[in-house]
Amino acid sequence: MPTRLPQGGKPRKYIDSNHVFILIANAKDPDAEAKKILNTAKIANQRGNTDYAKMLRHGVNLYRAKKLVEANA
């Protein structure tokens, strides 16, 4: 699932941070997917859509926290 910006310049709309987390967790390369989503958050922030950018970052942070917990278990 690509998270890059389409030609129209609008980022793909995610429902909420849990949706972002599930997309990352189910990706073939989760770390690359997380990086792409963070890039989307950066672009959204530049365009003034700060709430959307916060939600995206929160979803990525959920994934990273889960990864840390699994590593320490």
PDB file of N, CA and C in Angstrom:
ATOM      1  N   MET A   1       0.836  -1.187   0.000  1.00  0.00           N
ATOM      2  CA  MET A   1       0.000   0.000   0.000  1.00  0.00           C
ATOM      3  C   MET A   1       0.875   1.242   0.000  1.00  0.00           C
ATOM      4  N   PRO A   2       0.865   1.986  -1.064  1.00  0.00           N
ATOM      5  CA  PRO A   2       1.723   3.165  -1.103  1.00  0.00           C
ATOM      6  C   PRO A   2       1.186   4.283  -0.219  1.00  0.00           C
ATOM      7  N   THR A   3       2.094   4.995   0.411  1.00  0.00           N
ATOM      8  CA  THR A   3       1.677   6.134   1.236  1.00  0.00           C
ATOM      9  C   THR A   3       2.230   7.427   0.649  1.00  0.00           C
ATOM     10  N   ARG A   4       2.801   7.347  -0.538  1.00  0.00           N
ATOM     11  CA  ARG A   4       3.342   8.542  -1.183  1.00  0.00           C
ATOM     12  C   ARG A   4       2.202   9.431  -1.662  1.00  0.00           C
ATOM     13  N   LEU A   5       2.543  10.666  -1.966  1.00  0.00           N
ATOM     14  CA  LEU A   5       1.529  11.591  -2.445  1.00  0.00           C
ATOM     15  C   LEU A   5       1.179  11.283  -3.897  1.00  0.00           C
ATOM     16  N   PRO A   6      -0.099  11.188  -4.222  1.00  0.00           N
ATOM     17  CA  PRO A   6      -0.478  11.012  -5.622  1.00  0.00           C
ATOM     18  C   PRO A   6      -0.261  12.317  -6.392  1.00  0.00           C
ATOM     19  N   GLN A   7      -0.470  12.273  -7.688  1.00  0.00           N
ATOM     20  CA  GLN A   7      -0.213  13.436  -8.536  1.00  0.00           C
ATOM     21  C   GLN A   7      -0.992  14.674  -8.096  1.00  0.00           C
ATOM     22  N   GLY A   8      -2.186  14.488  -7.570  1.00  0.00           N
ATOM     23  CA  GLY A   8      -3.006  15.622  -7.166  1.00  0.00           C
ATOM     24  C   GLY A   8      -2.428  16.381  -5.991  1.00  0.00           C
ATOM     25  N   GLY A   9      -1.485  15.777  -5.264  1.00  0.00           N
ATOM     26  CA  GLY A   9      -0.847  16.447  -4.141  1.00  0.00           C
ATOM     27  C   GLY A   9      -1.559  16.265  -2.823  1.00  0.00           C
ATOM     28  N   LYS A  10      -2.589  15.395  -2.785  1.00  0.00           N
ATOM     29  CA  LYS A  10      -3.289  15.163  -1.527  1.00  0.00           C
ATOM     30  C   LYS A  10      -2.793  13.857  -0.911  1.00  0.00           C
ATOM     31  N   PRO A  11      -2.421  13.881   0.373  1.00  0.00           N
ATOM     32  CA  PRO A  11      -1.986  12.632   0.995  1.00  0.00           C
ATOM     33  C   PRO A  11      -3.157  11.671   1.175  1.00  0.00           C
ATOM     34  N   ARG A  12      -2.849  10.390   1.207  1.00  0.00           N
ATOM     35  CA  ARG A  12      -3.894   9.390   1.441  1.00  0.00           C
ATOM     36  C   ARG A  12      -4.476   9.632   2.831  1.00  0.00           C
ATOM     37  N   LYS A  13      -5.787   9.563   2.946  1.00  0.00           N
ATOM     38  CA  LYS A  13      -6.426   9.841   4.230  1.00  0.00           C
ATOM     39  C   LYS A  13      -6.509   8.574   5.070  1.00  0.00           C
ATOM     40  N   TYR A  14      -5.956   8.639   6.261  1.00  0.00           N
ATOM     41  CA  TYR A  14      -6.057   7.539   7.213  1.00  0.00           C
ATOM     42  C   TYR A  14      -7.204   7.843   8.158  1.00  0.00           C
ATOM     43  N   ILE A  15      -7.834   6.796   8.679  1.00  0.00           N
ATOM     44  CA  ILE A  15      -8.998   6.989   9.535  1.00  0.00           C
ATOM     45  C   ILE A  15      -8.562   7.506  10.907  1.00  0.00           C
ATOM     46  N   ASP A  16      -7.691   6.752  11.581  1.00  0.00           N
ATOM     47  CA  ASP A  16      -7.187   7.177  12.884  1.00  0.00           C
ATOM     48  C   ASP A  16      -5.838   6.512  13.138  1.00  0.00           C
ATOM     49  N   SER A  17      -5.248   6.778  14.312  1.00  0.00           N
ATOM     50  CA  SER A  17      -3.905   6.271  14.593  1.00  0.00           C
ATOM     51  C   SER A  17      -3.870   4.744  14.666  1.00  0.00           C
ATOM     52  N   ASN A  18      -4.966   4.110  15.096  1.00  0.00           N
ATOM     53  CA  ASN A  18      -5.003   2.642  15.135  1.00  0.00           C
ATOM     54  C   ASN A  18      -4.951   2.071  13.723  1.00  0.00           C
ATOM     55  N   HIS A  19      -5.603   2.733  12.790  1.00  0.00           N
ATOM     56  CA  HIS A  19      -5.578   2.315  11.387  1.00  0.00           C
ATOM     57  C   HIS A  19      -4.152   2.412  10.844  1.00  0.00           C
ATOM     58  N   VAL A  20      -3.459   3.488  11.180  1.00  0.00           N
ATOM     59  CA  VAL A  20      -2.068   3.672  10.764  1.00  0.00           C
ATOM     60  C   VAL A  20      -1.213   2.548  11.341  1.00  0.00           C
ATOM     61  N   PHE A  21      -1.416   2.243  12.629  1.00  0.00           N
ATOM     62  CA  PHE A  21      -0.661   1.179  13.303  1.00  0.00           C
ATOM     63  C   PHE A  21      -0.868  -0.168  12.615  1.00  0.00           C
ATOM     64  N   ILE A  22      -2.108  -0.501  12.284  1.00  0.00           N
ATOM     65  CA  ILE A  22      -2.420  -1.777  11.632  1.00  0.00           C
ATOM     66  C   ILE A  22      -1.783  -1.841  10.250  1.00  0.00           C
ATOM     67  N   LEU A  23      -1.839  -0.738   9.500  1.00  0.00           N
ATOM     68  CA  LEU A  23      -1.213  -0.704   8.176  1.00  0.00           C
ATOM     69  C   LEU A  23       0.290  -0.959   8.263  1.00  0.00           C
ATOM     70  N   ILE A  24       0.936  -0.358   9.250  1.00  0.00           N
ATOM     71  CA  ILE A  24       2.381  -0.551   9.403  1.00  0.00           C
ATOM     72  C   ILE A  24       2.677  -1.993   9.812  1.00  0.00           C
ATOM     73  N   ALA A  25       1.927  -2.498  10.787  1.00  0.00           N
ATOM     74  CA  ALA A  25       2.174  -3.849  11.303  1.00  0.00           C
ATOM     75  C   ALA A  25       1.974  -4.915  10.228  1.00  0.00           C
ATOM     76  N   ASN A  26       1.057  -4.697   9.292  1.00  0.00           N
ATOM     77  CA  ASN A  26       0.761  -5.690   8.260  1.00  0.00           C
ATOM     78  C   ASN A  26       1.590  -5.517   6.994  1.00  0.00           C
ATOM     79  N   ALA A  27       2.426  -4.496   6.944  1.00  0.00           N
ATOM     80  CA  ALA A  27       3.223  -4.243   5.736  1.00  0.00           C
ATOM     81  C   ALA A  27       4.347  -5.272   5.608  1.00  0.00           C
ATOM     82  N   LYS A  28       4.813  -5.464   4.366  1.00  0.00           N
ATOM     83  CA  LYS A  28       5.932  -6.396   4.131  1.00  0.00           C
ATOM     84  C   LYS A  28       7.196  -5.892   4.819  1.00  0.00           C
ATOM     85  N   ASP A  29       7.454  -4.594   4.713  1.00  0.00           N
ATOM     86  CA  ASP A  29       8.612  -3.978   5.370  1.00  0.00           C
ATOM     87  C   ASP A  29       8.083  -2.872   6.293  1.00  0.00           C
ATOM     88  N   PRO A  30       7.752  -3.230   7.544  1.00  0.00           N
ATOM     89  CA  PRO A  30       7.112  -2.264   8.448  1.00  0.00           C
ATOM     90  C   PRO A  30       7.922  -0.990   8.689  1.00  0.00           C
ATOM     91  N   ASP A  31       9.249  -1.121   8.798  1.00  0.00           N
ATOM     92  CA  ASP A  31      10.057   0.070   9.079  1.00  0.00           C
ATOM     93  C   ASP A  31      10.039   1.055   7.911  1.00  0.00           C
ATOM     94  N   ALA A  32      10.071   0.532   6.694  1.00  0.00           N
ATOM     95  CA  ALA A  32      10.001   1.406   5.518  1.00  0.00           C
ATOM     96  C   ALA A  32       8.628   2.062   5.430  1.00  0.00           C
ATOM     97  N   GLU A  33       7.586   1.311   5.760  1.00  0.00           N
ATOM     98  CA  GLU A  33       6.223   1.854   5.742  1.00  0.00           C
ATOM     99  C   GLU A  33       6.089   2.973   6.775  1.00  0.00           C
ATOM    100  N   ALA A  34       6.657   2.764   7.965  1.00  0.00           N
ATOM    101  CA  ALA A  34       6.613   3.787   9.014  1.00  0.00           C
ATOM    102  C   ALA A  34       7.323   5.056   8.549  1.00  0.00           C
ATOM    103  N   LYS A  35       8.441   4.875   7.863  1.00  0.00           N
ATOM    104  CA  LYS A  35       9.200   6.031   7.365  1.00  0.00           C
ATOM    105  C   LYS A  35       8.385   6.809   6.334  1.00  0.00           C
ATOM    106  N   LYS A  36       7.687   6.087   5.450  1.00  0.00           N
ATOM    107  CA  LYS A  36       6.850   6.744   4.439  1.00  0.00           C
ATOM    108  C   LYS A  36       5.725   7.534   5.102  1.00  0.00           C
ATOM    109  N   ILE A  37       5.115   6.941   6.127  1.00  0.00           N
ATOM    110  CA  ILE A  37       3.998   7.605   6.807  1.00  0.00           C
ATOM    111  C   ILE A  37       4.496   8.844   7.549  1.00  0.00           C
ATOM    112  N   LEU A  38       5.686   8.770   8.140  1.00  0.00           N
ATOM    113  CA  LEU A  38       6.256   9.951   8.793  1.00  0.00           C
ATOM    114  C   LEU A  38       6.516  11.059   7.779  1.00  0.00           C
ATOM    115  N   ASN A  39       6.918  10.681   6.574  1.00  0.00           N
ATOM    116  CA  ASN A  39       7.125  11.673   5.512  1.00  0.00           C
ATOM    117  C   ASN A  39       5.793  12.326   5.147  1.00  0.00           C
ATOM    118  N   THR A  40       4.733  11.523   5.081  1.00  0.00           N
ATOM    119  CA  THR A  40       3.394  12.061   4.811  1.00  0.00           C
ATOM    120  C   THR A  40       2.994  13.035   5.919  1.00  0.00           C
ATOM    121  N   ALA A  41       3.328  12.686   7.180  1.00  0.00           N
ATOM    122  CA  ALA A  41       3.018  13.564   8.315  1.00  0.00           C
ATOM    123  C   ALA A  41       3.769  14.886   8.187  1.00  0.00           C
ATOM    124  N   LYS A  42       5.016  14.809   7.751  1.00  0.00           N
ATOM    125  CA  LYS A  42       5.821  16.024   7.583  1.00  0.00           C
ATOM    126  C   LYS A  42       5.188  16.941   6.539  1.00  0.00           C
ATOM    127  N   ILE A  43       4.742  16.352   5.434  1.00  0.00           N
ATOM    128  CA  ILE A  43       4.119  17.140   4.367  1.00  0.00           C
ATOM    129  C   ILE A  43       2.798  17.742   4.854  1.00  0.00           C
ATOM    130  N   ALA A  44       2.006  16.946   5.584  1.00  0.00           N
ATOM    131  CA  ALA A  44       0.735  17.443   6.119  1.00  0.00           C
ATOM    132  C   ALA A  44       0.982  18.615   7.065  1.00  0.00           C
ATOM    133  N   ASN A  45       2.034  18.518   7.872  1.00  0.00           N
ATOM    134  CA  ASN A  45       2.384  19.592   8.803  1.00  0.00           C
ATOM    135  C   ASN A  45       2.758  20.862   8.046  1.00  0.00           C
ATOM    136  N   GLN A  46       3.513  20.718   6.969  1.00  0.00           N
ATOM    137  CA  GLN A  46       3.914  21.876   6.163  1.00  0.00           C
ATOM    138  C   GLN A  46       2.706  22.554   5.537  1.00  0.00           C
ATOM    139  N   ARG A  47       1.681  21.766   5.244  1.00  0.00           N
ATOM    140  CA  ARG A  47       0.477  22.319   4.614  1.00  0.00           C
ATOM    141  C   ARG A  47      -0.519  22.856   5.638  1.00  0.00           C
ATOM    142  N   GLY A  48      -0.156  22.781   6.924  1.00  0.00           N
ATOM    143  CA  GLY A  48      -1.005  23.348   7.957  1.00  0.00           C
ATOM    144  C   GLY A  48      -2.001  22.374   8.558  1.00  0.00           C
ATOM    145  N   ASN A  49      -1.936  21.106   8.158  1.00  0.00           N
ATOM    146  CA  ASN A  49      -2.873  20.111   8.681  1.00  0.00           C
ATOM    147  C   ASN A  49      -2.233  19.423   9.889  1.00  0.00           C
ATOM    148  N   THR A  50      -2.080  20.176  10.992  1.00  0.00           N
ATOM    149  CA  THR A  50      -1.316  19.686  12.138  1.00  0.00           C
ATOM    150  C   THR A  50      -2.008  18.549  12.876  1.00  0.00           C
ATOM    151  N   ASP A  51      -3.340  18.576  12.958  1.00  0.00           N
ATOM    152  CA  ASP A  51      -4.049  17.497  13.660  1.00  0.00           C
ATOM    153  C   ASP A  51      -3.847  16.166  12.954  1.00  0.00           C
ATOM    154  N   TYR A  52      -3.899  16.194  11.637  1.00  0.00           N
ATOM    155  CA  TYR A  52      -3.690  14.985  10.833  1.00  0.00           C
ATOM    156  C   TYR A  52      -2.254  14.477  11.006  1.00  0.00           C
ATOM    157  N   ALA A  53      -1.294  15.401  11.008  1.00  0.00           N
ATOM    158  CA  ALA A  53       0.112  15.026  11.181  1.00  0.00           C
ATOM    159  C   ALA A  53       0.339  14.411  12.560  1.00  0.00           C
ATOM    160  N   LYS A  54      -0.291  14.984  13.590  1.00  0.00           N
ATOM    161  CA  LYS A  54      -0.177  14.437  14.952  1.00  0.00           C
ATOM    162  C   LYS A  54      -0.721  13.021  15.010  1.00  0.00           C
ATOM    163  N   MET A  55      -1.865  12.806  14.361  1.00  0.00           N
ATOM    164  CA  MET A  55      -2.497  11.490  14.349  1.00  0.00           C
ATOM    165  C   MET A  55      -1.586  10.470  13.663  1.00  0.00           C
ATOM    166  N   LEU A  56      -0.963  10.856  12.543  1.00  0.00           N
ATOM    167  CA  LEU A  56      -0.053   9.948  11.838  1.00  0.00           C
ATOM    168  C   LEU A  56       1.145   9.597  12.716  1.00  0.00           C
ATOM    169  N   ARG A  57       1.726  10.612  13.359  1.00  0.00           N
ATOM    170  CA  ARG A  57       2.885  10.357  14.225  1.00  0.00           C
ATOM    171  C   ARG A  57       2.503   9.464  15.398  1.00  0.00           C
ATOM    172  N   HIS A  58       1.301   9.654  15.928  1.00  0.00           N
ATOM    173  CA  HIS A  58       0.839   8.818  17.036  1.00  0.00           C
ATOM    174  C   HIS A  58       0.740   7.357  16.598  1.00  0.00           C
ATOM    175  N   GLY A  59       0.236   7.107  15.396  1.00  0.00           N
ATOM    176  CA  GLY A  59       0.145   5.742  14.876  1.00  0.00           C
ATOM    177  C   GLY A  59       1.512   5.100  14.727  1.00  0.00           C
ATOM    178  N   VAL A  60       2.495   5.866  14.249  1.00  0.00           N
ATOM    179  CA  VAL A  60       3.860   5.347  14.107  1.00  0.00           C
ATOM    180  C   VAL A  60       4.454   5.081  15.487  1.00  0.00           C
ATOM    181  N   ASN A  61       4.185   5.963  16.449  1.00  0.00           N
ATOM    182  CA  ASN A  61       4.693   5.766  17.809  1.00  0.00           C
ATOM    183  C   ASN A  61       4.093   4.527  18.457  1.00  0.00           C
ATOM    184  N   LEU A  62       2.825   4.234  18.170  1.00  0.00           N
ATOM    185  CA  LEU A  62       2.210   3.005  18.680  1.00  0.00           C
ATOM    186  C   LEU A  62       2.967   1.783  18.171  1.00  0.00           C
ATOM    187  N   TYR A  63       3.300   1.804  16.880  1.00  0.00           N
ATOM    188  CA  TYR A  63       4.038   0.680  16.288  1.00  0.00           C
ATOM    189  C   TYR A  63       5.420   0.547  16.935  1.00  0.00           C
ATOM    190  N   ARG A  64       6.112   1.667  17.105  1.00  0.00           N
ATOM    191  CA  ARG A  64       7.460   1.631  17.688  1.00  0.00           C
ATOM    192  C   ARG A  64       7.421   1.154  19.137  1.00  0.00           C
ATOM    193  N   ALA A  65       6.395   1.554  19.885  1.00  0.00           N
ATOM    194  CA  ALA A  65       6.256   1.106  21.274  1.00  0.00           C
ATOM    195  C   ALA A  65       6.028  -0.403  21.327  1.00  0.00           C
ATOM    196  N   LYS A  66       5.191  -0.909  20.432  1.00  0.00           N
ATOM    197  CA  LYS A  66       4.923  -2.353  20.388  1.00  0.00           C
ATOM    198  C   LYS A  66       6.207  -3.108  20.072  1.00  0.00           C
ATOM    199  N   LYS A  67       6.999  -2.566  19.145  1.00  0.00           N
ATOM    200  CA  LYS A  67       8.257  -3.201  18.758  1.00  0.00           C
ATOM    201  C   LYS A  67       9.222  -3.243  19.954  1.00  0.00           C
ATOM    202  N   LEU A  68       9.271  -2.164  20.732  1.00  0.00           N
ATOM    203  CA  LEU A  68      10.129  -2.113  21.919  1.00  0.00           C
ATOM    204  C   LEU A  68       9.698  -3.132  22.963  1.00  0.00           C
ATOM    205  N   VAL A  69       8.396  -3.233  23.188  1.00  0.00           N
ATOM    206  CA  VAL A  69       7.869  -4.176  24.177  1.00  0.00           C
ATOM    207  C   VAL A  69       8.215  -5.606  23.775  1.00  0.00           C
ATOM    208  N   GLU A  70       8.065  -5.909  22.477  1.00  0.00           N
ATOM    209  CA  GLU A  70       8.384  -7.259  22.000  1.00  0.00           C
ATOM    210  C   GLU A  70       9.878  -7.550  22.128  1.00  0.00           C
ATOM    211  N   ALA A  71      10.709  -6.540  21.907  1.00  0.00           N
ATOM    212  CA  ALA A  71      12.156  -6.731  21.996  1.00  0.00           C
ATOM    213  C   ALA A  71      12.593  -6.985  23.438  1.00  0.00           C
ATOM    214  N   ASN A  72      11.892  -6.386  24.392  1.00  0.00           N
ATOM    215  CA  ASN A  72      12.254  -6.524  25.806  1.00  0.00           C
ATOM    216  C   ASN A  72      11.597  -7.716  26.479  1.00  0.00           C
ATOM    217  N   ALA A  73      10.674  -8.375  25.794  1.00  0.00           N
ATOM    218  CA  ALA A  73       9.954  -9.502  26.415  1.00  0.00           C
ATOM    219  C   ALA A  73      10.817 -10.751  26.450  1.00  0.00           C
TER     220      ALA A  73
END
